[in-house]
Amino acid sequence: VRFTKASVDSFAVKPGSGEDGLWQTIRLWQSYTEQRLVNRQNEMQKEFQNKLIEFLKREKGVKDEELPSAIGFTDLSPALQKEVSELQRRMAVELQPLVLESTLTMQKEVSEL
């Protein structure tokens, strides 16, 4: 994230918890880091959902209006089972730094007060 010099003047840095208080800026930053995490998680899940829908339509002959709300792991092809395991691994690897960043950033900002 980059801020322009002009935007720095708009940061809330006054003591207290009001609209112009530092805690408002801290909450805003925390919300931003949480949204980055959620967005990345959603992207990864959507990528897999598209593959799953393609599998159900192509391999199982399911039509759009017949798509199930849930499917068992054992009902997946071996390739999709592997994909699920890989997705779980990727989520741990890619999302963990975002979780850590969110947590550590908040701790650092609070400790500097």
Foldseek 3Di string as FASTA:
>chain_A
DDDDPVCVVVAQPPDDDDPSHNVVNLVVVLVVLVVVLVVVLVVLVVVLVVVVVVCCCPVVVADPVRDDPDDDLVVDDPVSVVVVVVSVVCSCVVNVVSVVCSVVVSVVVVVVD
